[in-house]
Every structure is written in C-alpha cells, then in structure tokens.
Amino acid sequence: MEFPDLVQLYNNMPLGVFFLDAEHVITDINPAACHILGLTSGQVVGHPIADPLWVSVYEDGTDFPVNQHPAVVALREGNPVQNTIMGVYNQVLENYSWIMVDAFPQYAEGHTNPRGAMCIMEEITKLKQVADDLIQSNERFYLTFEEGPLPMTFLGSDFRFIKTNAPFRKMIGYTEEELELMTFKEITHPEHLAQDSEAVKKVVYGVIPYYKTDKRYIRKDRQVLWASLTLFAIHNNTGHFVHLLAMVQPFESSAKGEVNQ
C-alpha cells in the first residue's frame, strides 16, 4: 500500500536520500540526491555505489574509498554511521559538492543481517565554504598578529592582557609573562584612565562600535610614550562578548618624559 503523502515528502524533501541493497547496488534515489550528485536517477539506480561516475573525496582531497562510504560501512557492520563529511563530484557543476552523510542499516523481519542501507545526504557546500574562509581568515589574522609590525594585544573585559604580540611587548618594555599579570590601567598614563575606562565599557556593551584615541603609555622603564590606540570588541557567532582587540601605533616623534613612581 502506498502512502502518497510520504512519497511526495520523499520526492520534495531538501535532503538527499538513496537506498543500497546487500550487493551494494543503489535501488532508489530521490531528486535531492540526484541534484547533489549532478546525476539522473537513470545514471544511479541499478548501478553499484562503486560506479566510476560517483567520485568521492575526504576533506583533505584524498580519495574516499568505496568500502569506507557510510552506507557500505552501515551495511557491513550493522550499525548507523553518522555525521560523515565527504565531497562528491557533481557532474553538472563540474566541481565537488560537500555533504554531511548519515547511513542506517535496514533489516528484514526475523533477520539479523542487514538487507540494505538507507543513506541521507545534507548539502553543506556553502556552510563548508564559510568555515574554510573563516579558518583562512583566522590564519591570515594570526600571521598579522604574530608577525606584523603593528603592536597589538587582546584584552579581557576586566582589562587584563590575554595575549600580546612581540611589537607590543617591545614598545612597552614588559615580557609576555609580566603582562599576563597586569591590566592596561597599569601602563596607561593617569590622566587618560577615566576616559579610557568609560570608553572601554561602552565598546564592550556595544554602545559604540570602537574606541580611537591618542594617549600616553607608561613603559616598564617609566618612560612615557605617545601612541594612537584603536580598540574593538570581538564577539562570537551568538553575539556574546569574547575579548577586546587593541591596535597601537606609536608616534614617530614621541615626546618622552618620566612618570613619578
């Protein structure tokens, strides 16, 4: 007996679904799965999953062996295989589509060995591209932070130093270990403390998008250094505050004097 509503759901759902029999031959596939693969049902149904048209790779670009495909593993081991990321070559796009795959063994009543497997594929190409871009962006920022010439530091909401780069440590004269036990207040000239503290709170709470000012820093040797500060708040993807990023540009001809102990 057919259930028209379920058939309609199967044919119109955004998730790709196909069924594999005990001989690793694909017995059915829905339109979404065909779209992901860039193949027609005629090119897939009745063909083994090892068909040359079906090219799969791991995230690092190496070949994804057929015997490790989630549907084949679920069929072989009799257990679900979930959250597998793989790239499948889309014949229409002439490029790889990235998918999250879940596979479930199917049993006939009274039998202990699977008679087949159901495989569900979710298209995650755009999501993966965003993640890859973010990783690359983070890598580029890391290089900028660690190897760039601009003094930079991360601060917590309590104004304590979380991480500093070499140019910042050279500018201020303290070691990384020393700064980790300090707050920015300890290297800020007393005349700037009130304004800085108020502005930082506004940045943390999103009242202002960033804080930019010219101010005096106090080096470890008690010398005074003028510099331009730009301060941003970093938030996570849920909008919650994580830390502050301070970028400092020392003045080329900075008047120095000593601060009384």
Foldseek 3Di string as FASTA:
>chain_A
DDDVVVVVCQQPPLKKKWKAFLVQATADIHPNVCQQQQHDRVVGHRHHCPPPSWWKDAPVRHGDDPCNPQFNCCQVVVAKDFQGWMWTQNPVVRGTWIWGKIKHFDPDPPDDHGRIMMMIIHTCRVVVVVVVVVVVVVVVVVCCQAPNQWWKFKAALVQQTDATYPNVCVVQVHDRVVSNVDGQVVFFDPVCVVVVNVVSVCQQVVVDAKDWDWGWTQHPVQKIWIWIKIKGFDADPVRHTDIMMITIGTDPDTDIDGDDD
